[in-house]
PDB file of all heavy atoms in Angstrom:
ATOM      1  N   LYS A   1       8.077 -16.856  10.460  1.00  0.00           N
ATOM      2  CA  LYS A   1       8.737 -15.649   9.962  1.00  0.00           C
ATOM      3  C   LYS A   1       8.058 -15.149   8.687  1.00  0.00           C
ATOM      4  O   LYS A   1       7.847 -13.948   8.528  1.00  0.00           O
ATOM      5  CB  LYS A   1      10.213 -15.923   9.689  1.00  0.00           C
ATOM      6  CG  LYS A   1      11.046 -16.057  10.932  1.00  0.00           C
ATOM      7  CD  LYS A   1      12.493 -16.300  10.552  1.00  0.00           C
ATOM      8  CE  LYS A   1      13.347 -16.509  11.790  1.00  0.00           C
ATOM      9  NZ  LYS A   1      14.746 -16.782  11.434  1.00  0.00           N
ATOM     10  N   ILE A   2       7.745 -16.067   7.798  1.00  0.00           N
ATOM     11  CA  ILE A   2       7.075 -15.691   6.545  1.00  0.00           C
ATOM     12  C   ILE A   2       5.717 -15.067   6.847  1.00  0.00           C
ATOM     13  O   ILE A   2       5.350 -14.038   6.285  1.00  0.00           O
ATOM     14  CB  ILE A   2       6.931 -16.906   5.603  1.00  0.00           C
ATOM     15  CG1 ILE A   2       8.300 -17.338   5.105  1.00  0.00           C
ATOM     16  CG2 ILE A   2       6.005 -16.611   4.434  1.00  0.00           C
ATOM     17  CD1 ILE A   2       9.006 -16.330   4.247  1.00  0.00           C
ATOM     18  N   ALA A   3       4.954 -15.688   7.735  1.00  0.00           N
ATOM     19  CA  ALA A   3       3.631 -15.153   8.089  1.00  0.00           C
ATOM     20  C   ALA A   3       3.764 -13.770   8.709  1.00  0.00           C
ATOM     21  O   ALA A   3       3.000 -12.857   8.372  1.00  0.00           O
ATOM     22  CB  ALA A   3       2.914 -16.105   9.034  1.00  0.00           C
ATOM     23  N   ALA A   4       4.731 -13.604   9.601  1.00  0.00           N
ATOM     24  CA  ALA A   4       4.929 -12.306  10.242  1.00  0.00           C
ATOM     25  C   ALA A   4       5.317 -11.255   9.211  1.00  0.00           C
ATOM     26  O   ALA A   4       4.835 -10.113   9.261  1.00  0.00           O
ATOM     27  CB  ALA A   4       5.997 -12.414  11.328  1.00  0.00           C
ATOM     28  N   THR A   5       6.174 -11.624   8.271  1.00  0.00           N
ATOM     29  CA  THR A   5       6.566 -10.701   7.213  1.00  0.00           C
ATOM     30  C   THR A   5       5.364 -10.316   6.370  1.00  0.00           C
ATOM     31  O   THR A   5       5.158  -9.139   6.068  1.00  0.00           O
ATOM     32  CB  THR A   5       7.659 -11.334   6.316  1.00  0.00           C
ATOM     33  OG1 THR A   5       8.787 -11.647   7.120  1.00  0.00           O
ATOM     34  CG2 THR A   5       8.063 -10.394   5.199  1.00  0.00           C
ATOM     35  N   GLY A   6       4.551 -11.292   6.004  1.00  0.00           N
ATOM     36  CA  GLY A   6       3.361 -11.017   5.203  1.00  0.00           C
ATOM     37  C   GLY A   6       2.395 -10.092   5.911  1.00  0.00           C
ATOM     38  O   GLY A   6       1.849  -9.166   5.314  1.00  0.00           O
ATOM     39  N   ILE A   7       2.202 -10.309   7.200  1.00  0.00           N
ATOM     40  CA  ILE A   7       1.302  -9.457   7.973  1.00  0.00           C
ATOM     41  C   ILE A   7       1.848  -8.039   8.038  1.00  0.00           C
ATOM     42  O   ILE A   7       1.115  -7.068   7.836  1.00  0.00           O
ATOM     43  CB  ILE A   7       1.085 -10.040   9.379  1.00  0.00           C
ATOM     44  CG1 ILE A   7       0.266 -11.331   9.279  1.00  0.00           C
ATOM     45  CG2 ILE A   7       0.396  -9.033  10.297  1.00  0.00           C
ATOM     46  CD1 ILE A   7       0.242 -12.158  10.543  1.00  0.00           C
ATOM     47  N   ALA A   8       3.144  -7.911   8.306  1.00  0.00           N
ATOM     48  CA  ALA A   8       3.753  -6.585   8.391  1.00  0.00           C
ATOM     49  C   ALA A   8       3.654  -5.844   7.061  1.00  0.00           C
ATOM     50  O   ALA A   8       3.333  -4.653   7.027  1.00  0.00           O
ATOM     51  CB  ALA A   8       5.215  -6.700   8.829  1.00  0.00           C
ATOM     52  N   LEU A   9       3.913  -6.544   5.963  1.00  0.00           N
ATOM     53  CA  LEU A   9       3.841  -5.912   4.657  1.00  0.00           C
ATOM     54  C   LEU A   9       2.410  -5.523   4.308  1.00  0.00           C
ATOM     55  O   LEU A   9       2.167  -4.451   3.757  1.00  0.00           O
ATOM     56  CB  LEU A   9       4.416  -6.844   3.591  1.00  0.00           C
ATOM     57  CG  LEU A   9       5.913  -7.102   3.702  1.00  0.00           C
ATOM     58  CD1 LEU A   9       6.337  -8.175   2.706  1.00  0.00           C
ATOM     59  CD2 LEU A   9       6.707  -5.842   3.493  1.00  0.00           C
ATOM     60  N   THR A  10       1.456  -6.364   4.643  1.00  0.00           N
ATOM     61  CA  THR A  10       0.053  -6.060   4.381  1.00  0.00           C
ATOM     62  C   THR A  10      -0.376  -4.832   5.168  1.00  0.00           C
ATOM     63  O   THR A  10      -1.087  -3.968   4.652  1.00  0.00           O
ATOM     64  CB  THR A  10      -0.837  -7.266   4.714  1.00  0.00           C
ATOM     65  OG1 THR A  10      -0.405  -8.370   3.921  1.00  0.00           O
ATOM     66  CG2 THR A  10      -2.293  -6.978   4.424  1.00  0.00           C
ATOM     67  N   MET A  11       0.075  -4.732   6.420  1.00  0.00           N
ATOM     68  CA  MET A  11      -0.262  -3.565   7.232  1.00  0.00           C
ATOM     69  C   MET A  11       0.347  -2.300   6.638  1.00  0.00           C
ATOM     70  O   MET A  11      -0.296  -1.252   6.599  1.00  0.00           O
ATOM     71  CB  MET A  11       0.207  -3.771   8.674  1.00  0.00           C
ATOM     72  CG  MET A  11      -0.611  -4.810   9.416  1.00  0.00           C
ATOM     73  SD  MET A  11       0.040  -5.256  11.039  1.00  0.00           S
ATOM     74  CE  MET A  11       0.100  -3.678  11.848  1.00  0.00           C
ATOM     75  N   ALA A  12       1.578  -2.401   6.150  1.00  0.00           N
ATOM     76  CA  ALA A  12       2.220  -1.244   5.529  1.00  0.00           C
ATOM     77  C   ALA A  12       1.468  -0.820   4.281  1.00  0.00           C
ATOM     78  O   ALA A  12       1.270   0.367   4.035  1.00  0.00           O
ATOM     79  CB  ALA A  12       3.674  -1.564   5.193  1.00  0.00           C
ATOM     80  N   LEU A  13       1.041  -1.796   3.495  1.00  0.00           N
ATOM     81  CA  LEU A  13       0.269  -1.478   2.291  1.00  0.00           C
ATOM     82  C   LEU A  13      -1.051  -0.826   2.640  1.00  0.00           C
ATOM     83  O   LEU A  13      -1.479   0.132   2.004  1.00  0.00           O
ATOM     84  CB  LEU A  13       0.018  -2.749   1.477  1.00  0.00           C
ATOM     85  CG  LEU A  13       1.219  -3.336   0.778  1.00  0.00           C
ATOM     86  CD1 LEU A  13       0.869  -4.685   0.169  1.00  0.00           C
ATOM     87  CD2 LEU A  13       1.729  -2.398  -0.281  1.00  0.00           C
ATOM     88  N   ALA A  14      -1.725  -1.338   3.647  1.00  0.00           N
ATOM     89  CA  ALA A  14      -3.002  -0.766   4.062  1.00  0.00           C
ATOM     90  C   ALA A  14      -2.824   0.671   4.519  1.00  0.00           C
ATOM     91  O   ALA A  14      -3.633   1.542   4.190  1.00  0.00           O
ATOM     92  CB  ALA A  14      -3.628  -1.610   5.168  1.00  0.00           C
ATOM     93  N   ALA A  15      -1.762   0.937   5.255  1.00  0.00           N
ATOM     94  CA  ALA A  15      -1.505   2.297   5.726  1.00  0.00           C
ATOM     95  C   ALA A  15      -1.251   3.230   4.551  1.00  0.00           C
ATOM     96  O   ALA A  15      -1.775   4.339   4.511  1.00  0.00           O
ATOM     97  CB  ALA A  15      -0.321   2.314   6.682  1.00  0.00           C
ATOM     98  N   SER A  16      -0.461   2.773   3.570  1.00  0.00           N
ATOM     99  CA  SER A  16      -0.176   3.633   2.427  1.00  0.00           C
ATOM    100  C   SER A  16      -1.415   3.829   1.564  1.00  0.00           C
ATOM    101  O   SER A  16      -1.588   4.858   0.939  1.00  0.00           O
ATOM    102  CB  SER A  16       0.966   3.062   1.580  1.00  0.00           C
ATOM    103  OG  SER A  16       0.543   1.957   0.834  1.00  0.00           O
ATOM    104  N   ALA A  17      -2.305   2.863   1.562  1.00  0.00           N
ATOM    105  CA  ALA A  17      -3.516   2.963   0.744  1.00  0.00           C
ATOM    106  C   ALA A  17      -4.458   4.032   1.255  1.00  0.00           C
ATOM    107  O   ALA A  17      -5.249   4.573   0.493  1.00  0.00           O
ATOM    108  CB  ALA A  17      -4.236   1.616   0.712  1.00  0.00           C
ATOM    109  N   HIS A  18      -4.369   4.375   2.525  1.00  0.00           N
ATOM    110  CA  HIS A  18      -5.288   5.361   3.074  1.00  0.00           C
ATOM    111  C   HIS A  18      -4.784   6.779   2.950  1.00  0.00           C
ATOM    112  O   HIS A  18      -5.522   7.712   3.200  1.00  0.00           O
ATOM    113  CB  HIS A  18      -5.601   5.031   4.540  1.00  0.00           C
ATOM    114  CG  HIS A  18      -6.452   3.808   4.661  1.00  0.00           C
ATOM    115  ND1 HIS A  18      -7.768   3.773   4.269  1.00  0.00           N
ATOM    116  CD2 HIS A  18      -6.165   2.559   5.080  1.00  0.00           C
ATOM    117  CE1 HIS A  18      -8.265   2.574   4.458  1.00  0.00           C
ATOM    118  NE2 HIS A  18      -7.304   1.809   4.947  1.00  0.00           N
ATOM    119  N   SER A  19      -3.520   6.969   2.566  1.00  0.00           N
ATOM    120  CA  SER A  19      -3.046   8.315   2.346  1.00  0.00           C
ATOM    121  C   SER A  19      -3.436   8.720   0.940  1.00  0.00           C
ATOM    122  O   SER A  19      -3.395   7.927   0.020  1.00  0.00           O
ATOM    123  CB  SER A  19      -1.529   8.379   2.520  1.00  0.00           C
ATOM    124  OG  SER A  19      -0.888   7.650   1.511  1.00  0.00           O
ATOM    125  N   ASP A  20      -3.825   9.966   0.769  1.00  0.00           N
ATOM    126  CA  ASP A  20      -4.311  10.425  -0.519  1.00  0.00           C
ATOM    127  C   ASP A  20      -3.258  11.286  -1.184  1.00  0.00           C
ATOM    128  O   ASP A  20      -3.114  12.453  -0.853  1.00  0.00           O
ATOM    129  CB  ASP A  20      -5.615  11.200  -0.340  1.00  0.00           C
ATOM    130  CG  ASP A  20      -6.249  11.588  -1.653  1.00  0.00           C
ATOM    131  OD1 ASP A  20      -5.631  11.365  -2.707  1.00  0.00           O
ATOM    132  OD2 ASP A  20      -7.368  12.108  -1.627  1.00  0.00           O
ATOM    133  N   GLY A  21      -2.525  10.696  -2.115  1.00  0.00           N
ATOM    134  CA  GLY A  21      -1.504  11.446  -2.825  1.00  0.00           C
ATOM    135  C   GLY A  21      -1.935  11.864  -4.210  1.00  0.00           C
ATOM    136  O   GLY A  21      -1.131  12.345  -4.984  1.00  0.00           O
ATOM    137  N   HIS A  22      -3.206  11.711  -4.541  1.00  0.00           N
ATOM    138  CA  HIS A  22      -3.657  11.984  -5.906  1.00  0.00           C
ATOM    139  C   HIS A  22      -4.885  12.875  -5.937  1.00  0.00           C
ATOM    140  O   HIS A  22      -5.792  12.671  -6.732  1.00  0.00           O
ATOM    141  CB  HIS A  22      -3.937  10.665  -6.636  1.00  0.00           C
ATOM    142  CG  HIS A  22      -2.765   9.748  -6.661  1.00  0.00           C
ATOM    143  ND1 HIS A  22      -1.658   9.988  -7.428  1.00  0.00           N
ATOM    144  CD2 HIS A  22      -2.497   8.617  -5.975  1.00  0.00           C
ATOM    145  CE1 HIS A  22      -0.770   9.026  -7.232  1.00  0.00           C
ATOM    146  NE2 HIS A  22      -1.252   8.194  -6.357  1.00  0.00           N
ATOM    147  N   GLY A  23      -4.945  13.844  -5.078  1.00  0.00           N
ATOM    148  CA  GLY A  23      -6.054  14.786  -5.112  1.00  0.00           C
ATOM    149  C   GLY A  23      -7.387  14.131  -4.826  1.00  0.00           C
ATOM    150  O   GLY A  23      -7.505  13.307  -3.939  1.00  0.00           O
ATOM    151  N   ASN A  24      -8.384  14.491  -5.608  1.00  0.00           N
ATOM    152  CA  ASN A  24      -9.735  13.972  -5.427  1.00  0.00           C
ATOM    153  C   ASN A  24     -10.008  12.722  -6.252  1.00  0.00           C
ATOM    154  O   ASN A  24     -11.152  12.363  -6.462  1.00  0.00           O
ATOM    155  CB  ASN A  24     -10.767  15.059  -5.777  1.00  0.00           C
ATOM    156  CG  ASN A  24     -10.739  16.195  -4.781  1.00  0.00           C
ATOM    157  OD1 ASN A  24     -10.516  15.970  -3.594  1.00  0.00           O
ATOM    158  ND2 ASN A  24     -10.929  17.409  -5.264  1.00  0.00           N
ATOM    159  N   ASN A  25      -8.982  12.098  -6.728  1.00  0.00           N
ATOM    160  CA  ASN A  25      -9.126  10.896  -7.535  1.00  0.00           C
ATOM    161  C   ASN A  25      -9.819   9.806  -6.712  1.00  0.00           C
ATOM    162  O   ASN A  25      -9.347   9.444  -5.646  1.00  0.00           O
ATOM    163  CB  ASN A  25      -7.724  10.453  -7.959  1.00  0.00           C
ATOM    164  CG  ASN A  25      -7.691   9.147  -8.695  1.00  0.00           C
ATOM    165  OD1 ASN A  25      -8.690   8.441  -8.808  1.00  0.00           O
ATOM    166  ND2 ASN A  25      -6.531   8.811  -9.185  1.00  0.00           N
ATOM    167  N   PRO A  26     -10.943   9.276  -7.208  1.00  0.00           N
ATOM    168  CA  PRO A  26     -11.642   8.234  -6.440  1.00  0.00           C
ATOM    169  C   PRO A  26     -10.854   6.936  -6.323  1.00  0.00           C
ATOM    170  O   PRO A  26     -11.199   6.075  -5.521  1.00  0.00           O
ATOM    171  CB  PRO A  26     -12.932   8.015  -7.234  1.00  0.00           C
ATOM    172  CG  PRO A  26     -12.607   8.452  -8.623  1.00  0.00           C
ATOM    173  CD  PRO A  26     -11.596   9.568  -8.467  1.00  0.00           C
ATOM    174  N   PHE A  27      -9.785   6.811  -7.090  1.00  0.00           N
ATOM    175  CA  PHE A  27      -8.969   5.600  -7.067  1.00  0.00           C
ATOM    176  C   PHE A  27      -7.639   5.809  -6.352  1.00  0.00           C
ATOM    177  O   PHE A  27      -6.734   4.988  -6.460  1.00  0.00           O
ATOM    178  CB  PHE A  27      -8.706   5.107  -8.495  1.00  0.00           C
ATOM    179  CG  PHE A  27      -9.958   4.740  -9.235  1.00  0.00           C
ATOM    180  CD1 PHE A  27     -10.413   5.533 -10.279  1.00  0.00           C
ATOM    181  CD2 PHE A  27     -10.686   3.612  -8.880  1.00  0.00           C
ATOM    182  CE1 PHE A  27     -11.565   5.194 -10.967  1.00  0.00           C
ATOM    183  CE2 PHE A  27     -11.847   3.277  -9.554  1.00  0.00           C
ATOM    184  CZ  PHE A  27     -12.282   4.068 -10.600  1.00  0.00           C
ATOM    185  N   SER A  28      -7.501   6.901  -5.619  1.00  0.00           N
ATOM    186  CA  SER A  28      -6.203   7.199  -5.010  1.00  0.00           C
ATOM    187  C   SER A  28      -5.759   6.103  -4.043  1.00  0.00           C
ATOM    188  O   SER A  28      -4.576   5.758  -4.014  1.00  0.00           O
ATOM    189  CB  SER A  28      -6.216   8.559  -4.316  1.00  0.00           C
ATOM    190  OG  SER A  28      -7.165   8.586  -3.273  1.00  0.00           O
ATOM    191  N   SER A  29      -6.670   5.525  -3.286  1.00  0.00           N
ATOM    192  CA  SER A  29      -6.250   4.472  -2.359  1.00  0.00           C
ATOM    193  C   SER A  29      -5.808   3.221  -3.114  1.00  0.00           C
ATOM    194  O   SER A  29      -4.845   2.561  -2.712  1.00  0.00           O
ATOM    195  CB  SER A  29      -7.348   4.136  -1.347  1.00  0.00           C
ATOM    196  OG  SER A  29      -8.486   3.626  -1.991  1.00  0.00           O
ATOM    197  N   HIS A  30      -6.456   2.917  -4.231  1.00  0.00           N
ATOM    198  CA  HIS A  30      -6.055   1.775  -5.049  1.00  0.00           C
ATOM    199  C   HIS A  30      -4.641   1.984  -5.603  1.00  0.00           C
ATOM    200  O   HIS A  30      -3.798   1.091  -5.560  1.00  0.00           O
ATOM    201  CB  HIS A  30      -7.015   1.574  -6.221  1.00  0.00           C
ATOM    202  CG  HIS A  30      -8.420   1.324  -5.821  1.00  0.00           C
ATOM    203  ND1 HIS A  30      -9.282   2.349  -5.498  1.00  0.00           N
ATOM    204  CD2 HIS A  30      -9.122   0.183  -5.682  1.00  0.00           C
ATOM    205  CE1 HIS A  30     -10.452   1.837  -5.178  1.00  0.00           C
ATOM    206  NE2 HIS A  30     -10.383   0.526  -5.280  1.00  0.00           N
ATOM    207  N   ILE A  31      -4.434   3.186  -6.130  1.00  0.00           N
ATOM    208  CA  ILE A  31      -3.149   3.495  -6.752  1.00  0.00           C
ATOM    209  C   ILE A  31      -2.041   3.548  -5.701  1.00  0.00           C
ATOM    210  O   ILE A  31      -0.945   3.029  -5.918  1.00  0.00           O
ATOM    211  CB  ILE A  31      -3.246   4.803  -7.564  1.00  0.00           C
ATOM    212  CG1 ILE A  31      -4.201   4.561  -8.754  1.00  0.00           C
ATOM    213  CG2 ILE A  31      -1.884   5.278  -8.030  1.00  0.00           C
ATOM    214  CD1 ILE A  31      -4.674   5.816  -9.433  1.00  0.00           C
ATOM    215  N   ASN A  32      -2.332   4.139  -4.547  1.00  0.00           N
ATOM    216  CA  ASN A  32      -1.333   4.170  -3.471  1.00  0.00           C
ATOM    217  C   ASN A  32      -0.974   2.757  -3.033  1.00  0.00           C
ATOM    218  O   ASN A  32       0.190   2.461  -2.767  1.00  0.00           O
ATOM    219  CB  ASN A  32      -1.834   4.984  -2.280  1.00  0.00           C
ATOM    220  CG  ASN A  32      -1.800   6.468  -2.543  1.00  0.00           C
ATOM    221  OD1 ASN A  32      -1.066   6.940  -3.402  1.00  0.00           O
ATOM    222  ND2 ASN A  32      -2.604   7.210  -1.814  1.00  0.00           N
ATOM    223  N   ALA A  33      -1.960   1.888  -2.951  1.00  0.00           N
ATOM    224  CA  ALA A  33      -1.684   0.494  -2.567  1.00  0.00           C
ATOM    225  C   ALA A  33      -0.818  -0.184  -3.621  1.00  0.00           C
ATOM    226  O   ALA A  33       0.147  -0.878  -3.286  1.00  0.00           O
ATOM    227  CB  ALA A  33      -2.988  -0.276  -2.369  1.00  0.00           C
ATOM    228  N   ARG A  34      -1.142   0.029  -4.899  1.00  0.00           N
ATOM    229  CA  ARG A  34      -0.321  -0.552  -5.973  1.00  0.00           C
ATOM    230  C   ARG A  34       1.105  -0.042  -5.906  1.00  0.00           C
ATOM    231  O   ARG A  34       2.059  -0.806  -6.018  1.00  0.00           O
ATOM    232  CB  ARG A  34      -0.920  -0.221  -7.349  1.00  0.00           C
ATOM    233  CG  ARG A  34      -2.185  -0.948  -7.641  1.00  0.00           C
ATOM    234  CD  ARG A  34      -2.617  -0.904  -9.079  1.00  0.00           C
ATOM    235  NE  ARG A  34      -2.647   0.331  -9.794  1.00  0.00           N
ATOM    236  CZ  ARG A  34      -3.752   0.870 -10.344  1.00  0.00           C
ATOM    237  NH1 ARG A  34      -4.934   0.291 -10.193  1.00  0.00           N
ATOM    238  NH2 ARG A  34      -3.678   1.974 -11.036  1.00  0.00           N
ATOM    239  N   HIS A  35       1.255   1.270  -5.743  1.00  0.00           N
ATOM    240  CA  HIS A  35       2.599   1.844  -5.691  1.00  0.00           C
ATOM    241  C   HIS A  35       3.368   1.313  -4.493  1.00  0.00           C
ATOM    242  O   HIS A  35       4.548   0.964  -4.622  1.00  0.00           O
ATOM    243  CB  HIS A  35       2.526   3.374  -5.636  1.00  0.00           C
ATOM    244  CG  HIS A  35       2.100   3.999  -6.920  1.00  0.00           C
ATOM    245  ND1 HIS A  35       1.869   5.349  -7.035  1.00  0.00           N
ATOM    246  CD2 HIS A  35       1.850   3.488  -8.142  1.00  0.00           C
ATOM    247  CE1 HIS A  35       1.507   5.636  -8.275  1.00  0.00           C
ATOM    248  NE2 HIS A  35       1.479   4.518  -8.966  1.00  0.00           N
ATOM    249  N   GLY A  36       2.731   1.240  -3.348  1.00  0.00           N
ATOM    250  CA  GLY A  36       3.393   0.698  -2.162  1.00  0.00           C
ATOM    251  C   GLY A  36       3.809  -0.741  -2.372  1.00  0.00           C
ATOM    252  O   GLY A  36       4.934  -1.142  -2.030  1.00  0.00           O
ATOM    253  N   TYR A  37       2.917  -1.507  -2.949  1.00  0.00           N
ATOM    254  CA  TYR A  37       3.191  -2.917  -3.225  1.00  0.00           C
ATOM    255  C   TYR A  37       4.390  -3.058  -4.165  1.00  0.00           C
ATOM    256  O   TYR A  37       5.319  -3.818  -3.903  1.00  0.00           O
ATOM    257  CB  TYR A  37       1.935  -3.549  -3.832  1.00  0.00           C
ATOM    258  CG  TYR A  37       2.045  -5.022  -4.035  1.00  0.00           C
ATOM    259  CD1 TYR A  37       1.674  -5.909  -3.042  1.00  0.00           C
ATOM    260  CD2 TYR A  37       2.520  -5.545  -5.231  1.00  0.00           C
ATOM    261  CE1 TYR A  37       1.769  -7.276  -3.224  1.00  0.00           C
ATOM    262  CE2 TYR A  37       2.629  -6.902  -5.417  1.00  0.00           C
ATOM    263  CZ  TYR A  37       2.247  -7.762  -4.409  1.00  0.00           C
ATOM    264  OH  TYR A  37       2.360  -9.114  -4.586  1.00  0.00           O
ATOM    265  N   MET A  38       4.365  -2.311  -5.250  1.00  0.00           N
ATOM    266  CA  MET A  38       5.454  -2.388  -6.225  1.00  0.00           C
ATOM    267  C   MET A  38       6.768  -1.876  -5.634  1.00  0.00           C
ATOM    268  O   MET A  38       7.845  -2.405  -5.960  1.00  0.00           O
ATOM    269  CB  MET A  38       5.104  -1.616  -7.500  1.00  0.00           C
ATOM    270  CG  MET A  38       3.963  -2.224  -8.277  1.00  0.00           C
ATOM    271  SD  MET A  38       4.337  -3.908  -8.828  1.00  0.00           S
ATOM    272  CE  MET A  38       2.768  -4.366  -9.535  1.00  0.00           C
ATOM    273  N   ASN A  39       6.704  -0.875  -4.766  1.00  0.00           N
ATOM    274  CA  ASN A  39       7.921  -0.388  -4.114  1.00  0.00           C
ATOM    275  C   ASN A  39       8.551  -1.469  -3.243  1.00  0.00           C
ATOM    276  O   ASN A  39       9.784  -1.592  -3.192  1.00  0.00           O
ATOM    277  CB  ASN A  39       7.637   0.864  -3.284  1.00  0.00           C
ATOM    278  CG  ASN A  39       7.450   2.097  -4.141  1.00  0.00           C
ATOM    279  OD1 ASN A  39       7.933   2.176  -5.262  1.00  0.00           O
ATOM    280  ND2 ASN A  39       6.726   3.063  -3.611  1.00  0.00           N
ATOM    281  N   ILE A  40       7.730  -2.247  -2.560  1.00  0.00           N
ATOM    282  CA  ILE A  40       8.250  -3.347  -1.742  1.00  0.00           C
ATOM    283  C   ILE A  40       8.913  -4.389  -2.641  1.00  0.00           C
ATOM    284  O   ILE A  40      10.004  -4.881  -2.338  1.00  0.00           O
ATOM    285  CB  ILE A  40       7.139  -3.968  -0.875  1.00  0.00           C
ATOM    286  CG1 ILE A  40       6.712  -2.975   0.206  1.00  0.00           C
ATOM    287  CG2 ILE A  40       7.587  -5.285  -0.254  1.00  0.00           C
ATOM    288  CD1 ILE A  40       5.442  -3.348   0.932  1.00  0.00           C
ATOM    289  N   LEU A  41       8.271  -4.718  -3.759  1.00  0.00           N
ATOM    290  CA  LEU A  41       8.881  -5.663  -4.701  1.00  0.00           C
ATOM    291  C   LEU A  41      10.198  -5.109  -5.226  1.00  0.00           C
ATOM    292  O   LEU A  41      11.217  -5.816  -5.246  1.00  0.00           O
ATOM    293  CB  LEU A  41       7.934  -5.956  -5.870  1.00  0.00           C
ATOM    294  CG  LEU A  41       6.610  -6.638  -5.559  1.00  0.00           C
ATOM    295  CD1 LEU A  41       5.829  -6.877  -6.845  1.00  0.00           C
ATOM    296  CD2 LEU A  41       6.810  -7.929  -4.799  1.00  0.00           C
ATOM    297  N   ASP A  42      10.183  -3.857  -5.645  1.00  0.00           N
ATOM    298  CA  ASP A  42      11.363  -3.220  -6.212  1.00  0.00           C
ATOM    299  C   ASP A  42      12.525  -3.224  -5.219  1.00  0.00           C
ATOM    300  O   ASP A  42      13.667  -3.521  -5.593  1.00  0.00           O
ATOM    301  CB  ASP A  42      11.026  -1.794  -6.639  1.00  0.00           C
ATOM    302  CG  ASP A  42      12.183  -1.102  -7.327  1.00  0.00           C
ATOM    303  OD1 ASP A  42      12.739  -1.668  -8.286  1.00  0.00           O
ATOM    304  OD2 ASP A  42      12.529   0.015  -6.903  1.00  0.00           O
TER     305      ASP A  42
END
């Protein structure tokens, strides 16, 4: 169950990392991944 949860969460983070919510910022995928990660923690 833990492994499945980790895989699902990692996939969700990867998906959010590819959306560009910060214009032409070269770090938008990094920031989206951080925000997604922190949202899951929150």
